[in-house]
């Protein structure tokens, strides 16, 4: 059974850091790209970052480039999203998702992701 579980969310002051984890079961990270998305109530889900299944190549939304870093530990079946220099605008529920149909670079559209976690809240506030 495919399952993704996020953890690591919380409250942090502007300028602070958090590391989110996405633990996956039921498939190998060699077989699916993993993406991180975020959503604020009343707004569409926004793609944040992704990491490919084949060569661990990464992509970032412009809004987080240079501040966030995605990585994976295949032995632990876990993907991480390190978030530095957090801003109030980063406040959202963060979701990880799996795309088992990507070839080469990971994809950024949420419709390509078939499996989703339950989400973890990140709040950036002073």
Foldseek 3Di string as FASTA:
>chain_A
DWAWAKDWADEEAQQAKIKMKIAIPDDFLLQWKKWKWWDDPPDDIFTAKIAHNHPRDMDGDPVQPPFWDWDDDRVRNMIMIIGGRDDQVVWTWMKMFIARPDDDDDDGDPVRTDYIHPTDTHGYHD
